C-alpha atoms as a PDB file:
ATOM      1  CA  MET A   1    -100.338 -92.910  74.486  1.00  0.00           C
ATOM      2  CA  SER A   2    -100.416 -96.699  74.494  1.00  0.00           C
ATOM      3  CA  ALA A   3    -103.223 -98.492  76.302  1.00  0.00           C
ATOM      4  CA  LEU A   4    -102.824-100.555  79.436  1.00  0.00           C
ATOM      5  CA  PRO A   5    -104.283-104.075  79.662  1.00  0.00           C
ATOM      6  CA  PRO A   6    -107.647-104.228  81.491  1.00  0.00           C
ATOM      7  CA  GLU A   7    -107.417-104.871  85.190  1.00  0.00           C
ATOM      8  CA  SER A   8    -110.343-105.932  87.372  1.00  0.00           C
ATOM      9  CA  GLY A   9    -110.651-104.419  90.814  1.00  0.00           C
ATOM     10  CA  LEU A  10    -109.852-100.874  89.698  1.00  0.00           C
ATOM     11  CA  ARG A  11    -112.023 -98.197  91.300  1.00  0.00           C
ATOM     12  CA  LEU A  12    -113.489 -95.388  89.214  1.00  0.00           C
ATOM     13  CA  ILE A  13    -113.228 -91.910  90.753  1.00  0.00           C
ATOM     14  CA  LEU A  14    -115.270 -89.083  89.238  1.00  0.00           C
ATOM     15  CA  GLY A  15    -113.517 -85.730  89.486  1.00  0.00           C
ATOM     16  CA  SER A  16    -116.716 -83.744  88.990  1.00  0.00           C
ATOM     17  CA  ALA A  17    -119.713 -82.709  91.081  1.00  0.00           C
ATOM     18  CA  SER A  18    -121.924 -82.678  87.974  1.00  0.00           C
ATOM     19  CA  PRO A  19    -125.015 -84.876  88.368  1.00  0.00           C
ATOM     20  CA  ARG A  20    -125.269 -84.928  84.574  1.00  0.00           C
ATOM     21  CA  ARG A  21    -121.919 -86.695  84.270  1.00  0.00           C
ATOM     22  CA  ARG A  22    -122.992 -89.307  86.822  1.00  0.00           C
ATOM     23  CA  GLU A  23    -126.202 -89.869  84.859  1.00  0.00           C
ATOM     24  CA  LEU A  24    -124.264 -90.256  81.613  1.00  0.00           C
ATOM     25  CA  LEU A  25    -121.891 -92.785  83.182  1.00  0.00           C
ATOM     26  CA  ALA A  26    -124.915 -94.717  84.429  1.00  0.00           C
ATOM     27  CA  GLN A  27    -126.086 -95.019  80.820  1.00  0.00           C
ATOM     28  CA  ILE A  28    -123.135 -97.320  80.156  1.00  0.00           C
ATOM     29  CA  GLY A  29    -123.465 -99.110  83.477  1.00  0.00           C
ATOM     30  CA  LEU A  30    -120.750 -97.258  85.371  1.00  0.00           C
ATOM     31  CA  ALA A  31    -121.080 -95.865  88.897  1.00  0.00           C
ATOM     32  CA  PRO A  32    -118.070 -94.119  90.453  1.00  0.00           C
ATOM     33  CA  SER A  33    -116.745 -95.491  93.729  1.00  0.00           C
ATOM     34  CA  ASP A  34    -116.178 -91.922  94.899  1.00  0.00           C
ATOM     35  CA  VAL A  35    -116.714 -88.334  93.744  1.00  0.00           C
ATOM     36  CA  ARG A  36    -113.829 -85.889  94.291  1.00  0.00           C
ATOM     37  CA  PRO A  37    -114.405 -82.541  92.596  1.00  0.00           C
ATOM     38  CA  PRO A  38    -111.089 -80.702  92.170  1.00  0.00           C
ATOM     39  CA  ASP A  39    -110.685 -77.121  93.331  1.00  0.00           C
ATOM     40  CA  ILE A  40    -108.850 -75.222  90.600  1.00  0.00           C
ATOM     41  CA  ASP A  41    -108.875 -71.747  89.083  1.00  0.00           C
ATOM     42  CA  GLU A  42    -110.899 -71.981  85.863  1.00  0.00           C
ATOM     43  CA  THR A  43    -110.181 -68.436  84.674  1.00  0.00           C
ATOM     44  CA  PRO A  44    -109.196 -68.415  80.975  1.00  0.00           C
ATOM     45  CA  HIS A  45    -105.753 -67.086  80.139  1.00  0.00           C
ATOM     46  CA  ARG A  46    -105.573 -63.907  78.077  1.00  0.00           C
ATOM     47  CA  GLY A  47    -106.057 -64.773  74.412  1.00  0.00           C
ATOM     48  CA  GLU A  48    -106.585 -68.465  75.160  1.00  0.00           C
ATOM     49  CA  LEU A  49    -108.591 -70.304  72.496  1.00  0.00           C
ATOM     50  CA  PRO A  50    -111.634 -72.331  73.591  1.00  0.00           C
ATOM     51  CA  ARG A  51    -110.277 -75.776  72.665  1.00  0.00           C
ATOM     52  CA  THR A  52    -106.926 -75.059  74.311  1.00  0.00           C
ATOM     53  CA  TYR A  53    -108.746 -73.784  77.377  1.00  0.00           C
ATOM     54  CA  ALA A  54    -110.981 -76.856  77.698  1.00  0.00           C
ATOM     55  CA  ARG A  55    -107.989 -79.183  77.295  1.00  0.00           C
ATOM     56  CA  ARG A  56    -105.965 -77.296  79.906  1.00  0.00           C
ATOM     57  CA  ILE A  57    -108.762 -77.222  82.466  1.00  0.00           C
ATOM     58  CA  ALA A  58    -109.527 -80.939  82.101  1.00  0.00           C
ATOM     59  CA  ASP A  59    -105.824 -81.737  82.493  1.00  0.00           C
ATOM     60  CA  GLU A  60    -105.456 -79.476  85.546  1.00  0.00           C
ATOM     61  CA  LYS A  61    -108.524 -81.078  87.123  1.00  0.00           C
ATOM     62  CA  ALA A  62    -107.067 -84.536  86.523  1.00  0.00           C
ATOM     63  CA  ARG A  63    -103.776 -83.599  88.176  1.00  0.00           C
ATOM     64  CA  ALA A  64    -105.376 -81.829  91.149  1.00  0.00           C
ATOM     65  CA  VAL A  65    -107.060 -84.887  92.678  1.00  0.00           C
ATOM     66  CA  ALA A  66    -105.240 -87.216  95.077  1.00  0.00           C
ATOM     67  CA  LEU A  67    -105.448 -90.858  94.000  1.00  0.00           C
ATOM     68  CA  ASP A  68    -104.715 -94.112  95.771  1.00  0.00           C
ATOM     69  CA  GLU A  69    -103.298 -97.234  94.173  1.00  0.00           C
ATOM     70  CA  GLY A  70    -105.921 -98.975  92.065  1.00  0.00           C
ATOM     71  CA  GLU A  71    -107.948 -95.847  91.341  1.00  0.00           C
ATOM     72  CA  VAL A  72    -108.746 -94.397  87.916  1.00  0.00           C
ATOM     73  CA  LEU A  73    -109.829 -90.761  87.784  1.00  0.00           C
ATOM     74  CA  LEU A  74    -112.226 -89.292  85.239  1.00  0.00           C
ATOM     75  CA  CYS A  75    -112.399 -85.500  84.786  1.00  0.00           C
ATOM     76  CA  ALA A  76    -113.988 -83.322  82.120  1.00  0.00           C
ATOM     77  CA  ASP A  77    -114.559 -79.720  81.167  1.00  0.00           C
ATOM     78  CA  THR A  78    -117.337 -78.429  78.920  1.00  0.00           C
ATOM     79  CA  THR A  79    -116.875 -75.075  77.220  1.00  0.00           C
ATOM     80  CA  VAL A  80    -119.261 -73.174  74.955  1.00  0.00           C
ATOM     81  CA  ALA A  81    -117.483 -71.157  72.269  1.00  0.00           C
ATOM     82  CA  LEU A  82    -118.891 -68.471  70.008  1.00  0.00           C
ATOM     83  CA  GLY A  83    -116.061 -68.083  67.540  1.00  0.00           C
ATOM     84  CA  ARG A  84    -112.963 -67.469  69.679  1.00  0.00           C
ATOM     85  CA  ARG A  85    -115.023 -66.321  72.641  1.00  0.00           C
ATOM     86  CA  ILE A  86    -115.262 -68.599  75.690  1.00  0.00           C
ATOM     87  CA  MET A  87    -118.703 -68.551  77.307  1.00  0.00           C
ATOM     88  CA  GLY A  88    -118.460 -69.991  80.803  1.00  0.00           C
ATOM     89  CA  LYS A  89    -121.070 -70.411  83.516  1.00  0.00           C
ATOM     90  CA  PRO A  90    -123.091 -67.191  83.923  1.00  0.00           C
ATOM     91  CA  VAL A  91    -122.758 -65.502  87.292  1.00  0.00           C
ATOM     92  CA  ASP A  92    -126.401 -64.375  87.323  1.00  0.00           C
ATOM     93  CA  SER A  93    -129.566 -64.282  85.227  1.00  0.00           C
ATOM     94  CA  THR A  94    -128.494 -61.031  83.562  1.00  0.00           C
ATOM     95  CA  GLU A  95    -125.354 -62.649  82.179  1.00  0.00           C
ATOM     96  CA  ALA A  96    -127.323 -65.770  81.225  1.00  0.00           C
ATOM     97  CA  ALA A  97    -129.727 -63.578  79.243  1.00  0.00           C
ATOM     98  CA  ARG A  98    -126.802 -61.888  77.504  1.00  0.00           C
ATOM     99  CA  PHE A  99    -125.334 -65.273  76.554  1.00  0.00           C
ATOM    100  CA  LEU A 100    -128.662 -66.506  75.164  1.00  0.00           C
ATOM    101  CA  HIS A 101    -129.158 -63.362  73.094  1.00  0.00           C
ATOM    102  CA  LEU A 102    -125.616 -63.735  71.706  1.00  0.00           C
ATOM    103  CA  LEU A 103    -126.271 -67.384  70.770  1.00  0.00           C
ATOM    104  CA  SER A 104    -129.748 -66.677  69.389  1.00  0.00           C
ATOM    105  CA  GLY A 105    -130.054 -67.585  65.707  1.00  0.00           C
ATOM    106  CA  ARG A 106    -126.400 -68.592  65.440  1.00  0.00           C
ATOM    107  CA  ARG A 107    -124.206 -71.647  65.365  1.00  0.00           C
ATOM    108  CA  HIS A 108    -121.715 -72.170  68.153  1.00  0.00           C
ATOM    109  CA  THR A 109    -119.349 -74.890  69.287  1.00  0.00           C
ATOM    110  CA  VAL A 110    -119.509 -76.999  72.438  1.00  0.00           C
ATOM    111  CA  ILE A 111    -116.153 -78.502  73.408  1.00  0.00           C
ATOM    112  CA  THR A 112    -115.884 -81.160  76.071  1.00  0.00           C
ATOM    113  CA  ALA A 113    -112.372 -82.198  77.040  1.00  0.00           C
ATOM    114  CA  VAL A 114    -112.036 -85.486  78.907  1.00  0.00           C
ATOM    115  CA  ALA A 115    -109.000 -86.540  80.935  1.00  0.00           C
ATOM    116  CA  VAL A 116    -108.491 -89.950  82.525  1.00  0.00           C
ATOM    117  CA  ARG A 117    -105.644 -90.461  84.973  1.00  0.00           C
ATOM    118  CA  ARG A 118    -104.158 -93.579  86.456  1.00  0.00           C
ATOM    119  CA  GLY A 119    -101.060 -93.035  88.555  1.00  0.00           C
ATOM    120  CA  ASP A 120     -98.980 -90.418  86.749  1.00  0.00           C
ATOM    121  CA  ARG A 121    -100.353 -91.177  83.285  1.00  0.00           C
ATOM    122  CA  VAL A 122    -103.108 -89.117  81.695  1.00  0.00           C
ATOM    123  CA  TRP A 123    -105.133 -90.009  78.625  1.00  0.00           C
ATOM    124  CA  ALA A 124    -107.056 -87.073  77.138  1.00  0.00           C
ATOM    125  CA  ARG A 125    -109.344 -86.175  74.270  1.00  0.00           C
ATOM    126  CA  GLU A 126    -111.392 -83.164  73.177  1.00  0.00           C
ATOM    127  CA  VAL A 127    -114.710 -83.522  71.378  1.00  0.00           C
ATOM    128  CA  GLU A 128    -116.215 -80.615  69.438  1.00  0.00           C
ATOM    129  CA  THR A 129    -119.877 -80.404  68.472  1.00  0.00           C
ATOM    130  CA  ALA A 130    -121.491 -77.738  66.304  1.00  0.00           C
ATOM    131  CA  VAL A 131    -124.809 -76.528  67.724  1.00  0.00           C
ATOM    132  CA  LYS A 132    -127.453 -74.299  66.145  1.00  0.00           C
ATOM    133  CA  MET A 133    -129.733 -72.242  68.385  1.00  0.00           C
ATOM    134  CA  LYS A 134    -132.928 -70.921  66.868  1.00  0.00           C
ATOM    135  CA  ARG A 135    -133.690 -67.218  66.983  1.00  0.00           C
ATOM    136  CA  LEU A 136    -135.080 -66.530  70.429  1.00  0.00           C
ATOM    137  CA  SER A 137    -137.815 -64.072  71.375  1.00  0.00           C
ATOM    138  CA  ASN A 138    -137.719 -62.119  74.613  1.00  0.00           C
ATOM    139  CA  PRO A 139    -140.628 -64.184  76.059  1.00  0.00           C
ATOM    140  CA  GLU A 140    -138.722 -67.397  75.291  1.00  0.00           C
ATOM    141  CA  VAL A 141    -135.563 -66.133  76.973  1.00  0.00           C
ATOM    142  CA  ASN A 142    -137.469 -64.855  80.008  1.00  0.00           C
ATOM    143  CA  ALA A 143    -139.442 -68.087  80.375  1.00  0.00           C
ATOM    144  CA  TYR A 144    -136.228 -70.109  80.255  1.00  0.00           C
ATOM    145  CA  LEU A 145    -134.470 -67.890  82.767  1.00  0.00           C
ATOM    146  CA  ALA A 146    -137.415 -68.313  85.135  1.00  0.00           C
ATOM    147  CA  THR A 147    -136.846 -72.088  85.216  1.00  0.00           C
ATOM    148  CA  GLY A 148    -133.379 -71.592  86.776  1.00  0.00           C
ATOM    149  CA  ASP A 149    -132.058 -74.315  84.467  1.00  0.00           C
ATOM    150  CA  TRP A 150    -129.320 -71.960  83.225  1.00  0.00           C
ATOM    151  CA  GLN A 151    -127.521 -72.005  86.576  1.00  0.00           C
ATOM    152  CA  GLY A 152    -124.148 -73.715  86.514  1.00  0.00           C
ATOM    153  CA  LYS A 153    -124.353 -74.356  82.763  1.00  0.00           C
ATOM    154  CA  ALA A 154    -121.641 -73.255  80.330  1.00  0.00           C
ATOM    155  CA  GLY A 155    -123.127 -70.806  77.851  1.00  0.00           C
ATOM    156  CA  GLY A 156    -126.173 -70.354  80.061  1.00  0.00           C
ATOM    157  CA  TYR A 157    -128.186 -73.326  78.810  1.00  0.00           C
ATOM    158  CA  ALA A 158    -128.452 -77.120  78.936  1.00  0.00           C
ATOM    159  CA  ILE A 159    -129.521 -79.065  75.861  1.00  0.00           C
ATOM    160  CA  GLN A 160    -131.075 -81.841  77.979  1.00  0.00           C
ATOM    161  CA  GLY A 161    -133.375 -79.391  79.789  1.00  0.00           C
ATOM    162  CA  PRO A 162    -136.059 -76.937  78.643  1.00  0.00           C
ATOM    163  CA  ALA A 163    -133.535 -75.256  76.320  1.00  0.00           C
ATOM    164  CA  GLY A 164    -133.607 -78.398  74.184  1.00  0.00           C
ATOM    165  CA  ALA A 165    -136.582 -76.725  72.462  1.00  0.00           C
ATOM    166  CA  PHE A 166    -134.183 -73.993  71.297  1.00  0.00           C
ATOM    167  CA  ILE A 167    -131.801 -76.411  69.523  1.00  0.00           C
ATOM    168  CA  PRO A 168    -133.052 -77.600  66.121  1.00  0.00           C
ATOM    169  CA  TRP A 169    -129.723 -79.053  64.963  1.00  0.00           C
ATOM    170  CA  ILE A 170    -126.398 -80.390  66.174  1.00  0.00           C
ATOM    171  CA  ASN A 171    -123.488 -81.988  64.350  1.00  0.00           C
ATOM    172  CA  GLY A 172    -121.397 -84.144  66.641  1.00  0.00           C
ATOM    173  CA  SER A 173    -121.796 -85.733  70.062  1.00  0.00           C
ATOM    174  CA  PHE A 174    -125.063 -85.157  71.927  1.00  0.00           C
ATOM    175  CA  THR A 175    -123.580 -86.592  75.129  1.00  0.00           C
ATOM    176  CA  GLY A 176    -120.594 -84.302  74.618  1.00  0.00           C
ATOM    177  CA  VAL A 177    -122.912 -81.297  74.660  1.00  0.00           C
ATOM    178  CA  VAL A 178    -124.556 -82.619  77.843  1.00  0.00           C
ATOM    179  CA  GLY A 179    -121.114 -82.836  79.446  1.00  0.00           C
ATOM    180  CA  LEU A 180    -119.431 -86.192  78.803  1.00  0.00           C
ATOM    181  CA  PRO A 181    -118.955 -87.727  75.327  1.00  0.00           C
ATOM    182  CA  LEU A 182    -119.609 -91.374  76.104  1.00  0.00           C
ATOM    183  CA  ALA A 183    -117.905 -93.022  73.128  1.00  0.00           C
ATOM    184  CA  GLU A 184    -114.660 -91.166  73.718  1.00  0.00           C
ATOM    185  CA  THR A 185    -114.877 -91.502  77.511  1.00  0.00           C
ATOM    186  CA  ALA A 186    -115.288 -95.271  77.258  1.00  0.00           C
ATOM    187  CA  GLY A 187    -112.273 -95.387  74.943  1.00  0.00           C
ATOM    188  CA  LEU A 188    -110.097 -93.402  77.359  1.00  0.00           C
ATOM    189  CA  LEU A 189    -111.117 -95.519  80.351  1.00  0.00           C
ATOM    190  CA  THR A 190    -110.368 -98.662  78.359  1.00  0.00           C
ATOM    191  CA  ALA A 191    -106.966 -97.262  77.407  1.00  0.00           C
ATOM    192  CA  ALA A 192    -106.255 -96.714  81.105  1.00  0.00           C
ATOM    193  CA  GLY A 193    -107.036-100.352  81.807  1.00  0.00           C
ATOM    194  CA  TYR A 194    -110.445 -99.787  83.378  1.00  0.00           C
ATOM    195  CA  PRO A 195    -112.793-102.629  82.370  1.00  0.00           C
ATOM    196  CA  VAL A 196    -115.699-100.567  81.065  1.00  0.00           C
ATOM    197  CA  TYR A 197    -117.527-103.644  79.856  1.00  0.00           C
ATOM    198  CA  GLY A 198    -116.140-106.101  82.391  1.00  0.00           C
ATOM    199  CA  GLU A 199    -115.861-106.488  86.145  1.00  0.00           C
ATOM    200  CA  HIS A 200    -115.968-103.338  88.256  1.00  0.00           C
ATOM    201  CA  ALA A 201    -114.764-102.897  91.805  1.00  0.00           C
END
């Protein structure tokens, strides 16, 4: 889609309750005027591929939030994929342990889809990053589970937390793995006319 000219006075709305996304936005000097997490069903469709799933969820989030004139909405969805398998947020420590053992010693993909909406227009992008997790021992898995850091994290881990010691290699966007690829997000906001590097409301 074509970009809109920048317009001062626009208000940035974050459609996510994730503190990590707020912290990432702060890295580029952005603070949302409001936080409005959407309430949608994030259940994958039967046979849905991870990238398609992430794109759909980000788009549905972006369309589920009520906006006023002069507001720009930022939504995102982060999905961990092992092949064609979608690994969401574990429901308990048992599932988190199962996810970690599946990822142990293997490469997987982290997909973060970003959607920016202004009025009825949506600008979207998906960013894929290849991630290698070292082979994990039972003591390592148990020690990580005991931290509670796995809670609410796709795939059962967060690269910016203690599990960073499990990740010797990535190929792609580090901020995308954390939950919001900053280069692409800044580009989408700019396309929507939000002055990322100018005056903010």
